C-alpha atoms as a PDB file:
ATOM      1  CA  SER A   1      12.762 -11.842  -8.739  1.00  0.00           C
ATOM      2  CA  VAL A   2      10.500 -14.833  -9.289  1.00  0.00           C
ATOM      3  CA  ARG A   3      13.271 -17.205  -8.244  1.00  0.00           C
ATOM      4  CA  LYS A   4      13.780 -15.429  -4.934  1.00  0.00           C
ATOM      5  CA  PHE A   5      10.045 -14.963  -4.257  1.00  0.00           C
ATOM      6  CA  PRO A   6       8.184 -17.682  -6.190  1.00  0.00           C
ATOM      7  CA  HIS A   7       4.942 -17.441  -4.172  1.00  0.00           C
ATOM      8  CA  GLY A   8       2.417 -14.642  -4.137  1.00  0.00           C
ATOM      9  CA  GLY A   9      -0.930 -13.642  -2.816  1.00  0.00           C
ATOM     10  CA  LEU A  10      -3.271 -10.825  -1.922  1.00  0.00           C
ATOM     11  CA  TRP A  11      -2.961  -9.363   1.582  1.00  0.00           C
ATOM     12  CA  HIS A  12      -6.121  -7.918   3.089  1.00  0.00           C
ATOM     13  CA  ALA A  13      -5.240  -5.580   5.959  1.00  0.00           C
ATOM     14  CA  ASN A  14      -6.565  -2.395   7.555  1.00  0.00           C
ATOM     15  CA  VAL A  15      -5.385   1.169   8.137  1.00  0.00           C
ATOM     16  CA  LEU A  16      -4.025   1.252  11.709  1.00  0.00           C
ATOM     17  CA  ASP A  17      -2.764   4.835  11.826  1.00  0.00           C
ATOM     18  CA  ILE A  18      -2.510   7.880   9.579  1.00  0.00           C
ATOM     19  CA  LYS A  19       0.158  10.557   9.980  1.00  0.00           C
ATOM     20  CA  VAL A  20       1.314  13.546   7.990  1.00  0.00           C
ATOM     21  CA  VAL A  21       4.965  14.422   8.568  1.00  0.00           C
ATOM     22  CA  GLN A  22       7.316  16.939   7.009  1.00  0.00           C
ATOM     23  CA  ARG A  23      10.348  15.640   5.168  1.00  0.00           C
ATOM     24  CA  PHE A  24      13.298  17.551   3.838  1.00  0.00           C
ATOM     25  CA  PRO A  25      14.539  16.637   0.348  1.00  0.00           C
ATOM     26  CA  ASP A  26      17.533  14.669   1.669  1.00  0.00           C
ATOM     27  CA  ASP A  27      15.175  12.443   3.713  1.00  0.00           C
ATOM     28  CA  ILE A  28      13.042  11.402   0.740  1.00  0.00           C
ATOM     29  CA  LYS A  29      13.870   8.207  -1.152  1.00  0.00           C
ATOM     30  CA  GLU A  30      14.356   8.536  -4.867  1.00  0.00           C
ATOM     31  CA  SER A  31      11.652   7.076  -7.088  1.00  0.00           C
ATOM     32  CA  PRO A  32      11.098   7.167 -10.852  1.00  0.00           C
ATOM     33  CA  ASN A  33       8.325   9.794 -10.773  1.00  0.00           C
ATOM     34  CA  ARG A  34       9.453  12.049  -7.928  1.00  0.00           C
ATOM     35  CA  THR A  35      11.368  15.300  -8.402  1.00  0.00           C
ATOM     36  CA  ARG A  36      13.585  16.677  -5.630  1.00  0.00           C
ATOM     37  CA  PRO A  37      11.798  19.563  -3.865  1.00  0.00           C
ATOM     38  CA  SER A  38      13.871  22.455  -2.488  1.00  0.00           C
ATOM     39  CA  ARG A  39      11.762  22.909   0.672  1.00  0.00           C
ATOM     40  CA  PRO A  40      10.149  20.539   3.175  1.00  0.00           C
ATOM     41  CA  ILE A  41       7.094  18.702   1.894  1.00  0.00           C
ATOM     42  CA  ASP A  42       4.238  16.986   3.692  1.00  0.00           C
ATOM     43  CA  MET A  43       4.361  13.213   3.483  1.00  0.00           C
ATOM     44  CA  LEU A  44       1.491  10.830   4.207  1.00  0.00           C
ATOM     45  CA  GLN A  45       2.476   7.867   6.379  1.00  0.00           C
ATOM     46  CA  LEU A  46      -0.016   5.003   6.442  1.00  0.00           C
ATOM     47  CA  PHE A  47       0.481   2.256   9.005  1.00  0.00           C
ATOM     48  CA  ILE A  48      -1.262  -0.888   7.841  1.00  0.00           C
ATOM     49  CA  GLY A  49      -1.664  -4.267   9.499  1.00  0.00           C
ATOM     50  CA  ASP A  50      -3.796  -7.305  10.206  1.00  0.00           C
ATOM     51  CA  ARG A  51      -4.832  -9.613  13.071  1.00  0.00           C
ATOM     52  CA  SER A  52      -1.638 -11.662  12.755  1.00  0.00           C
ATOM     53  CA  LYS A  53       0.306  -8.532  13.763  1.00  0.00           C
ATOM     54  CA  ALA A  54       1.914  -8.215  10.318  1.00  0.00           C
ATOM     55  CA  GLN A  55       2.439  -4.509   9.665  1.00  0.00           C
ATOM     56  CA  VAL A  56       3.877  -2.206   7.040  1.00  0.00           C
ATOM     57  CA  MET A  57       4.255   1.558   6.734  1.00  0.00           C
ATOM     58  CA  ILE A  58       4.000   3.243   3.369  1.00  0.00           C
ATOM     59  CA  GLU A  59       4.943   6.833   2.728  1.00  0.00           C
ATOM     60  CA  THR A  60       4.077   9.069  -0.196  1.00  0.00           C
ATOM     61  CA  PRO A  61       3.714  12.821  -0.796  1.00  0.00           C
ATOM     62  CA  TRP A  62       0.515  14.072   0.815  1.00  0.00           C
ATOM     63  CA  ALA A  63      -2.388  15.022  -1.481  1.00  0.00           C
ATOM     64  CA  LEU A  64      -5.829  16.445  -0.691  1.00  0.00           C
ATOM     65  CA  GLN A  65      -7.514  13.161  -1.704  1.00  0.00           C
ATOM     66  CA  HIS A  66      -5.792  11.446   1.234  1.00  0.00           C
ATOM     67  CA  ASN A  67      -8.321  13.157   3.531  1.00  0.00           C
ATOM     68  CA  ARG A  68     -10.773  10.409   2.472  1.00  0.00           C
ATOM     69  CA  ILE A  69      -8.737   7.671   4.197  1.00  0.00           C
ATOM     70  CA  ARG A  70     -10.253   6.417   7.470  1.00  0.00           C
ATOM     71  CA  LEU A  71      -8.836   4.388  10.357  1.00  0.00           C
ATOM     72  CA  GLY A  72      -9.833   0.747  10.037  1.00  0.00           C
ATOM     73  CA  GLU A  73     -10.406   1.057   6.297  1.00  0.00           C
ATOM     74  CA  PRO A  74      -9.582  -2.096   4.306  1.00  0.00           C
ATOM     75  CA  VAL A  75      -6.356  -2.102   2.284  1.00  0.00           C
ATOM     76  CA  TYR A  76      -5.208  -4.652  -0.307  1.00  0.00           C
ATOM     77  CA  PHE A  77      -1.632  -5.378  -1.346  1.00  0.00           C
ATOM     78  CA  VAL A  78      -0.085  -7.930  -3.653  1.00  0.00           C
ATOM     79  CA  VAL A  79       2.568  -9.790  -1.663  1.00  0.00           C
ATOM     80  CA  VAL A  80       5.443 -12.059  -2.643  1.00  0.00           C
ATOM     81  CA  SER A  81       7.212 -14.650  -0.506  1.00  0.00           C
ATOM     82  CA  ASP A  82       9.941 -17.236  -0.470  1.00  0.00           C
ATOM     83  CA  VAL A  83       7.677 -19.615   1.511  1.00  0.00           C
ATOM     84  CA  ARG A  84       4.506 -21.226   0.208  1.00  0.00           C
ATOM     85  CA  ASN A  85       2.306 -20.340   3.236  1.00  0.00           C
ATOM     86  CA  LEU A  86       3.299 -16.640   2.969  1.00  0.00           C
ATOM     87  CA  GLN A  87       4.200 -16.617   6.673  1.00  0.00           C
ATOM     88  CA  ARG A  88       6.806 -13.999   5.798  1.00  0.00           C
ATOM     89  CA  PHE A  89       6.295 -11.760   2.822  1.00  0.00           C
ATOM     90  CA  LYS A  90       7.182  -8.527   1.083  1.00  0.00           C
ATOM     91  CA  VAL A  91       4.525  -6.161  -0.192  1.00  0.00           C
ATOM     92  CA  VAL A  92       4.427  -4.682  -3.648  1.00  0.00           C
ATOM     93  CA  ARG A  93       4.126  -1.030  -2.669  1.00  0.00           C
ATOM     94  CA  ASP A  94       0.847  -0.334  -4.498  1.00  0.00           C
ATOM     95  CA  ALA A  95      -1.868  -0.134  -1.835  1.00  0.00           C
ATOM     96  CA  PHE A  96      -5.498  -0.182  -2.971  1.00  0.00           C
ATOM     97  CA  LEU A  97      -8.137   1.221  -0.597  1.00  0.00           C
ATOM     98  CA  PRO A  98     -11.479   0.212  -2.149  1.00  0.00           C
ATOM     99  CA  ALA A  99     -13.691   2.211   0.263  1.00  0.00           C
ATOM    100  CA  SER A 100     -11.890   5.445  -0.693  1.00  0.00           C
ATOM    101  CA  GLN A 101     -11.177   4.320  -4.268  1.00  0.00           C
ATOM    102  CA  LEU A 102      -7.564   5.409  -3.730  1.00  0.00           C
ATOM    103  CA  TRP A 103      -4.209   4.015  -4.731  1.00  0.00           C
ATOM    104  CA  ILE A 104      -1.248   4.848  -2.533  1.00  0.00           C
ATOM    105  CA  SER A 105       2.138   4.270  -4.152  1.00  0.00           C
ATOM    106  CA  ASP A 106       5.304   5.985  -5.302  1.00  0.00           C
ATOM    107  CA  TYR A 107       5.183   4.391  -8.706  1.00  0.00           C
ATOM    108  CA  PRO A 108       2.466   2.162 -10.201  1.00  0.00           C
ATOM    109  CA  PHE A 109       3.796  -1.373 -10.495  1.00  0.00           C
ATOM    110  CA  LEU A 110       0.437  -3.152 -10.783  1.00  0.00           C
ATOM    111  CA  ALA A 111      -2.203  -3.213 -13.491  1.00  0.00           C
ATOM    112  CA  ARG A 112      -4.731  -1.224 -11.477  1.00  0.00           C
ATOM    113  CA  SER A 113      -7.916  -2.142 -13.352  1.00  0.00           C
ATOM    114  CA  GLU A 114      -7.177  -5.857 -12.885  1.00  0.00           C
ATOM    115  CA  MET A 115      -6.417  -5.346  -9.181  1.00  0.00           C
ATOM    116  CA  LYS A 116      -9.730  -3.511  -8.676  1.00  0.00           C
ATOM    117  CA  GLN A 117     -11.556  -6.332 -10.455  1.00  0.00           C
ATOM    118  CA  LEU A 118      -9.849  -8.940  -8.255  1.00  0.00           C
ATOM    119  CA  VAL A 119     -10.758  -7.057  -5.053  1.00  0.00           C
ATOM    120  CA  ARG A 120     -14.393  -6.678  -6.194  1.00  0.00           C
ATOM    121  CA  GLY A 121     -14.572 -10.421  -6.809  1.00  0.00           C
ATOM    122  CA  ILE A 122     -13.225 -11.157  -3.330  1.00  0.00           C
ATOM    123  CA  GLN A 123     -15.715  -8.745  -1.754  1.00  0.00           C
ATOM    124  CA  VAL A 124     -18.606 -10.422  -3.610  1.00  0.00           C
ATOM    125  CA  GLU A 125     -17.450 -13.884  -2.451  1.00  0.00           C
ATOM    126  CA  ARG A 126     -17.176 -12.704   1.161  1.00  0.00           C
ATOM    127  CA  SER A 127     -20.698 -11.247   1.106  1.00  0.00           C
ATOM    128  CA  ARG A 128     -22.286 -14.576   0.103  1.00  0.00           C
END
C-alpha cells in the first residue's frame, strides 16, 4: 500500500546467476495466470543484484526466450520503500532486461511501454 511504502524508485541491477530448476506443482506459488501442472516443470531462477550487495531472486516458468539472458546483463525493477533513501526496499516483481528485450514476471503489474520508455531515457542520459 502507498501508506506502508510511500517512496519509490527504479533499481538498476545486473544478472548475477541464472539457473533452471525443476519444481513439482506443490512447490510452485499460486499466481493469477498460472495453472497447476500435473508433472514437474522447469523454472527459471534469476539472481539479481548490485554493488551495494542488494540481491533478489525471481522465479518464473522457463521459456525458450530465456536463453537470451546473459550474466552481467542490466535489469531494471520498480521498487517501493518505507524510507526516503530507499536503503531497504521491496521490488515490484516485473523485471525488465533491455539488452534482451525481455520481461520476467509471474503477472504484469507495470505498464510495460512506459517502463521501457523510462529505461531508454535513463540510458540516453547516462551516455551523455
